[in-house]
Amino acid sequence: MTTFLPKEVQDGLDAARKRALKQSSRMLIEADGKTYRVLRFWEHGFALEAEGAPHLRGLVDLYDRGYHLYQGLIVASSEENGEMCYEFKRLTLAHDKVPLDFAQDETVAVAFLGR
């Protein structure tokens, strides 16, 4: 038995796989004021569609359904199977408030009640 597929069939399967990845992906990356859809995301990097993807380098923000999840420092690493792969040099969770630089007393009064 052979596993050979004609080129047209293989191209159709690859296009269908890319289309499914685009539709199922909820993550976006924002870099230099532009937004790109993330096809795949893993612990040490992510992949964008190679067609139209720039060779990004530097600070980026990652969003999932509009929620800011991470801020990362990236570098373009390789292009494989129609995907541009990027690696994280640093990946930090995004916070919704500024971290405190001092220890806060837990018994401090929140509000005073008047008479």
N, C-alpha and C. Protein backbone atom coordinates (compact mmCIF):
# COMPACT_ATOMS: atom_id res chain seq x y z
N MET A 1 0.84 -1.17 0.00
CA MET A 1 0.00 0.00 0.00
C MET A 1 0.89 1.24 0.00
N THR A 2 0.51 2.25 -0.74
CA THR A 2 1.30 3.46 -0.84
C THR A 2 0.57 4.63 -0.18
N THR A 3 1.35 5.57 0.34
CA THR A 3 0.77 6.75 0.99
C THR A 3 0.99 7.99 0.14
N PHE A 4 1.26 7.80 -1.14
CA PHE A 4 1.50 8.91 -2.05
C PHE A 4 0.18 9.59 -2.40
N LEU A 5 0.16 10.92 -2.29
CA LEU A 5 -1.00 11.70 -2.70
C LEU A 5 -0.60 12.63 -3.82
N PRO A 6 -1.48 12.82 -4.80
CA PRO A 6 -1.17 13.79 -5.84
C PRO A 6 -0.97 15.18 -5.24
N LYS A 7 -0.18 16.01 -5.91
CA LYS A 7 0.16 17.34 -5.41
C LYS A 7 -1.09 18.19 -5.17
N GLU A 8 -2.08 18.10 -6.04
CA GLU A 8 -3.30 18.89 -5.89
C GLU A 8 -4.06 18.50 -4.62
N VAL A 9 -4.11 17.21 -4.34
CA VAL A 9 -4.81 16.73 -3.14
C VAL A 9 -4.06 17.17 -1.89
N GLN A 10 -2.73 17.04 -1.90
CA GLN A 10 -1.92 17.46 -0.75
C GLN A 10 -2.06 18.96 -0.51
N ASP A 11 -2.05 19.77 -1.58
CA ASP A 11 -2.24 21.22 -1.44
C ASP A 11 -3.61 21.54 -0.87
N GLY A 12 -4.63 20.82 -1.30
CA GLY A 12 -5.99 21.03 -0.78
C GLY A 12 -6.07 20.69 0.70
N LEU A 13 -5.42 19.60 1.10
CA LEU A 13 -5.41 19.21 2.52
C LEU A 13 -4.67 20.24 3.37
N ASP A 14 -3.55 20.74 2.85
CA ASP A 14 -2.79 21.77 3.58
C ASP A 14 -3.60 23.06 3.72
N ALA A 15 -4.30 23.46 2.67
CA ALA A 15 -5.13 24.67 2.72
C ALA A 15 -6.27 24.50 3.72
N ALA A 16 -6.88 23.32 3.74
CA ALA A 16 -7.97 23.06 4.69
C ALA A 16 -7.45 23.08 6.12
N ARG A 17 -6.26 22.55 6.35
CA ARG A 17 -5.67 22.56 7.69
C ARG A 17 -5.41 23.98 8.15
N LYS A 18 -4.86 24.83 7.27
CA LYS A 18 -4.59 26.23 7.61
C LYS A 18 -5.89 26.98 7.91
N ARG A 19 -6.91 26.73 7.09
CA ARG A 19 -8.19 27.40 7.28
C ARG A 19 -8.80 27.00 8.63
N ALA A 20 -8.69 25.73 8.99
CA ALA A 20 -9.21 25.26 10.28
C ALA A 20 -8.44 25.87 11.44
N LEU A 21 -7.12 26.00 11.30
CA LEU A 21 -6.32 26.62 12.36
C LEU A 21 -6.70 28.09 12.54
N LYS A 22 -6.91 28.80 11.44
CA LYS A 22 -7.29 30.21 11.52
C LYS A 22 -8.62 30.39 12.21
N GLN A 23 -9.59 29.52 11.88
CA GLN A 23 -10.93 29.66 12.44
C GLN A 23 -10.96 29.27 13.91
N SER A 24 -10.15 28.31 14.32
CA SER A 24 -10.19 27.84 15.70
C SER A 24 -9.31 28.69 16.62
N SER A 25 -8.38 29.43 16.07
CA SER A 25 -7.47 30.22 16.89
C SER A 25 -8.16 31.46 17.43
N ARG A 26 -8.01 31.70 18.71
CA ARG A 26 -8.59 32.87 19.35
C ARG A 26 -7.51 33.86 19.75
N MET A 27 -6.26 33.46 19.64
CA MET A 27 -5.17 34.32 20.10
C MET A 27 -4.74 35.29 19.01
N LEU A 28 -4.42 36.49 19.46
CA LEU A 28 -3.90 37.53 18.57
C LEU A 28 -2.60 38.05 19.14
N ILE A 29 -1.75 38.52 18.27
CA ILE A 29 -0.50 39.14 18.69
C ILE A 29 -0.50 40.56 18.17
N GLU A 30 -0.09 41.49 19.00
CA GLU A 30 -0.02 42.89 18.59
C GLU A 30 1.43 43.33 18.65
N ALA A 31 1.92 43.82 17.50
CA ALA A 31 3.30 44.28 17.41
C ALA A 31 3.36 45.48 16.48
N ASP A 32 4.02 46.52 16.91
CA ASP A 32 4.18 47.74 16.11
C ASP A 32 2.84 48.31 15.65
N GLY A 33 1.82 48.22 16.50
CA GLY A 33 0.51 48.77 16.16
C GLY A 33 -0.31 47.92 15.20
N LYS A 34 0.18 46.75 14.82
CA LYS A 34 -0.54 45.86 13.91
C LYS A 34 -0.90 44.58 14.65
N THR A 35 -2.00 43.96 14.23
CA THR A 35 -2.50 42.75 14.86
C THR A 35 -2.41 41.58 13.89
N TYR A 36 -1.95 40.43 14.40
CA TYR A 36 -1.82 39.22 13.60
C TYR A 36 -2.48 38.06 14.35
N ARG A 37 -3.13 37.15 13.61
CA ARG A 37 -3.76 35.98 14.22
C ARG A 37 -2.72 34.89 14.42
N VAL A 38 -2.69 34.33 15.62
CA VAL A 38 -1.75 33.26 15.97
C VAL A 38 -2.37 31.92 15.55
N LEU A 39 -1.64 31.15 14.75
CA LEU A 39 -2.12 29.83 14.34
C LEU A 39 -1.89 28.79 15.42
N ARG A 40 -0.68 28.77 15.97
CA ARG A 40 -0.34 27.83 17.03
C ARG A 40 0.42 28.57 18.12
N PHE A 41 0.24 28.13 19.36
CA PHE A 41 0.92 28.72 20.50
C PHE A 41 1.43 27.58 21.38
N TRP A 42 2.69 27.65 21.78
CA TRP A 42 3.26 26.65 22.69
C TRP A 42 4.09 27.37 23.73
N GLU A 43 4.67 26.62 24.63
CA GLU A 43 5.36 27.18 25.79
C GLU A 43 6.49 28.14 25.43
N HIS A 44 7.24 27.82 24.39
CA HIS A 44 8.41 28.63 24.04
C HIS A 44 8.26 29.44 22.77
N GLY A 45 7.03 29.52 22.22
CA GLY A 45 6.86 30.29 21.00
C GLY A 45 5.47 30.22 20.43
N PHE A 46 5.33 30.71 19.20
CA PHE A 46 4.06 30.70 18.50
C PHE A 46 4.34 30.76 17.00
N ALA A 47 3.29 30.53 16.21
CA ALA A 47 3.42 30.53 14.76
C ALA A 47 2.33 31.39 14.14
N LEU A 48 2.71 32.14 13.11
CA LEU A 48 1.79 32.92 12.30
C LEU A 48 1.81 32.36 10.90
N GLU A 49 0.81 32.72 10.09
CA GLU A 49 0.83 32.32 8.70
C GLU A 49 1.99 33.02 8.02
N ALA A 50 2.78 32.26 7.27
CA ALA A 50 4.01 32.81 6.66
C ALA A 50 3.70 33.88 5.64
N GLU A 51 2.60 33.71 4.92
CA GLU A 51 2.24 34.70 3.91
C GLU A 51 1.77 35.98 4.59
N GLY A 52 2.52 37.03 4.45
CA GLY A 52 2.17 38.31 5.06
C GLY A 52 2.71 38.51 6.46
N ALA A 53 3.39 37.53 7.01
CA ALA A 53 3.95 37.68 8.36
C ALA A 53 5.33 38.32 8.27
N PRO A 54 5.54 39.40 9.00
CA PRO A 54 6.86 40.03 8.97
C PRO A 54 7.85 39.27 9.87
N HIS A 55 9.11 39.59 9.72
CA HIS A 55 10.13 39.03 10.62
C HIS A 55 10.14 39.89 11.88
N LEU A 56 9.21 39.59 12.78
CA LEU A 56 9.06 40.37 14.00
C LEU A 56 10.23 40.13 14.94
N ARG A 57 10.54 41.17 15.68
CA ARG A 57 11.59 41.08 16.69
C ARG A 57 11.31 42.18 17.70
N GLY A 58 11.29 41.84 18.97
CA GLY A 58 11.08 42.85 19.99
C GLY A 58 9.89 42.55 20.87
N LEU A 59 9.30 43.60 21.43
CA LEU A 59 8.23 43.49 22.41
C LEU A 59 6.88 43.34 21.73
N VAL A 60 6.09 42.34 22.15
CA VAL A 60 4.76 42.10 21.61
C VAL A 60 3.79 41.82 22.75
N ASP A 61 2.51 41.99 22.47
CA ASP A 61 1.45 41.67 23.42
C ASP A 61 0.60 40.55 22.84
N LEU A 62 0.22 39.57 23.69
CA LEU A 62 -0.62 38.46 23.27
C LEU A 62 -1.99 38.59 23.91
N TYR A 63 -3.02 38.43 23.10
CA TYR A 63 -4.40 38.56 23.56
C TYR A 63 -5.15 37.28 23.24
N ASP A 64 -6.08 36.92 24.12
CA ASP A 64 -6.98 35.80 23.87
C ASP A 64 -8.40 36.31 24.06
N ARG A 65 -9.16 36.37 22.97
CA ARG A 65 -10.53 36.90 22.98
C ARG A 65 -10.59 38.31 23.55
N GLY A 66 -9.60 39.11 23.29
CA GLY A 66 -9.60 40.49 23.76
C GLY A 66 -8.99 40.69 25.14
N TYR A 67 -8.66 39.62 25.84
CA TYR A 67 -8.04 39.73 27.16
C TYR A 67 -6.53 39.71 27.02
N HIS A 68 -5.87 40.67 27.61
CA HIS A 68 -4.42 40.77 27.55
C HIS A 68 -3.83 39.70 28.47
N LEU A 69 -3.18 38.70 27.88
CA LEU A 69 -2.62 37.59 28.66
C LEU A 69 -1.14 37.74 28.96
N TYR A 70 -0.35 38.02 27.93
CA TYR A 70 1.10 38.03 28.08
C TYR A 70 1.72 39.23 27.38
N GLN A 71 2.90 39.55 27.85
CA GLN A 71 3.76 40.48 27.15
C GLN A 71 5.08 39.74 26.98
N GLY A 72 5.59 39.75 25.76
CA GLY A 72 6.78 38.94 25.51
C GLY A 72 7.79 39.63 24.63
N LEU A 73 9.00 39.17 24.73
CA LEU A 73 10.10 39.61 23.89
C LEU A 73 10.38 38.45 22.94
N ILE A 74 10.30 38.69 21.62
CA ILE A 74 10.37 37.60 20.66
C ILE A 74 11.45 37.84 19.61
N VAL A 75 11.75 36.76 18.89
CA VAL A 75 12.63 36.81 17.74
C VAL A 75 12.11 35.79 16.73
N ALA A 76 12.12 36.13 15.44
CA ALA A 76 11.71 35.20 14.39
C ALA A 76 12.74 34.09 14.30
N SER A 77 12.28 32.83 14.29
CA SER A 77 13.24 31.73 14.30
C SER A 77 13.30 30.97 12.98
N SER A 78 12.15 30.58 12.43
CA SER A 78 12.19 29.79 11.20
C SER A 78 10.86 29.84 10.46
N GLU A 79 10.89 29.38 9.23
CA GLU A 79 9.67 29.26 8.43
C GLU A 79 9.53 27.80 8.02
N GLU A 80 8.42 27.19 8.42
CA GLU A 80 8.19 25.77 8.15
C GLU A 80 6.75 25.55 7.74
N ASN A 81 6.53 24.80 6.68
CA ASN A 81 5.19 24.39 6.25
C ASN A 81 4.20 25.55 6.14
N GLY A 82 4.65 26.66 5.62
CA GLY A 82 3.76 27.81 5.45
C GLY A 82 3.49 28.58 6.73
N GLU A 83 4.25 28.31 7.78
CA GLU A 83 4.10 29.02 9.05
C GLU A 83 5.41 29.70 9.41
N MET A 84 5.32 30.92 9.90
CA MET A 84 6.47 31.64 10.41
C MET A 84 6.51 31.43 11.92
N CYS A 85 7.57 30.82 12.41
CA CYS A 85 7.69 30.49 13.83
C CYS A 85 8.52 31.54 14.55
N TYR A 86 8.11 31.87 15.75
CA TYR A 86 8.78 32.85 16.59
C TYR A 86 9.05 32.22 17.94
N GLU A 87 10.17 32.59 18.55
CA GLU A 87 10.53 32.08 19.88
C GLU A 87 10.52 33.22 20.89
N PHE A 88 10.14 32.88 22.11
CA PHE A 88 10.14 33.86 23.19
C PHE A 88 11.51 33.92 23.83
N LYS A 89 12.02 35.12 24.00
CA LYS A 89 13.20 35.32 24.84
C LYS A 89 12.74 35.53 26.28
N ARG A 90 11.57 36.18 26.38
CA ARG A 90 10.96 36.43 27.69
C ARG A 90 9.46 36.43 27.50
N LEU A 91 8.72 35.83 28.45
CA LEU A 91 7.26 35.82 28.42
C LEU A 91 6.76 36.11 29.82
N THR A 92 6.01 37.21 29.97
CA THR A 92 5.55 37.66 31.27
C THR A 92 4.04 37.77 31.28
N LEU A 93 3.41 37.29 32.36
CA LEU A 93 1.97 37.45 32.50
C LEU A 93 1.62 38.93 32.60
N ALA A 94 0.55 39.32 31.95
CA ALA A 94 0.08 40.71 32.02
C ALA A 94 -0.79 40.86 33.26
N HIS A 95 -0.62 41.96 33.96
CA HIS A 95 -1.39 42.23 35.17
C HIS A 95 -2.37 43.37 34.91
N ASP A 96 -3.52 43.32 35.60
CA ASP A 96 -4.50 44.37 35.42
C ASP A 96 -4.29 45.55 36.37
N LYS A 97 -3.35 45.40 37.31
CA LYS A 97 -3.01 46.51 38.20
C LYS A 97 -1.50 46.54 38.42
N VAL A 98 -1.00 47.67 38.83
CA VAL A 98 0.42 47.84 39.04
C VAL A 98 0.85 47.09 40.29
N PRO A 99 1.94 46.33 40.23
CA PRO A 99 2.41 45.62 41.42
C PRO A 99 2.92 46.61 42.47
N LEU A 100 2.71 46.27 43.73
CA LEU A 100 3.17 47.12 44.83
C LEU A 100 4.65 46.87 45.10
N ASP A 101 5.36 47.91 45.49
CA ASP A 101 6.77 47.76 45.82
C ASP A 101 6.99 47.80 47.33
N PHE A 102 5.90 47.54 48.09
CA PHE A 102 6.01 47.51 49.54
C PHE A 102 5.00 46.50 50.07
N ALA A 103 5.22 46.05 51.32
CA ALA A 103 4.31 45.11 51.95
C ALA A 103 3.14 45.89 52.53
N GLN A 104 1.93 45.48 52.18
CA GLN A 104 0.75 46.18 52.64
C GLN A 104 0.24 45.53 53.92
N ASP A 105 -0.07 46.36 54.93
CA ASP A 105 -0.59 45.88 56.19
C ASP A 105 -2.01 45.36 55.98
N GLU A 106 -2.26 44.11 56.40
CA GLU A 106 -3.58 43.50 56.18
C GLU A 106 -4.64 44.04 57.13
N THR A 107 -4.25 44.66 58.24
CA THR A 107 -5.23 45.14 59.20
C THR A 107 -5.54 46.63 59.02
N VAL A 108 -5.14 47.22 57.95
CA VAL A 108 -5.40 48.62 57.72
C VAL A 108 -6.89 48.83 57.43
N ALA A 109 -7.42 49.95 57.94
CA ALA A 109 -8.83 50.25 57.75
C ALA A 109 -9.10 50.65 56.30
N VAL A 110 -10.17 50.14 55.75
CA VAL A 110 -10.51 50.44 54.36
C VAL A 110 -11.31 51.73 54.30
N ALA A 111 -12.22 51.93 55.25
CA ALA A 111 -13.06 53.13 55.27
C ALA A 111 -13.45 53.41 56.72
N PHE A 112 -13.73 54.67 57.01
CA PHE A 112 -14.17 55.06 58.33
C PHE A 112 -15.65 55.37 58.28
N LEU A 113 -16.38 54.88 59.29
CA LEU A 113 -17.81 55.14 59.38
C LEU A 113 -18.05 56.38 60.23
N GLY A 114 -18.86 57.28 59.73
CA GLY A 114 -19.18 58.49 60.49
C GLY A 114 -20.29 58.21 61.50
N ARG A 115 -20.53 59.19 62.38
CA ARG A 115 -21.58 58.99 63.41
C ARG A 115 -22.95 59.19 62.85
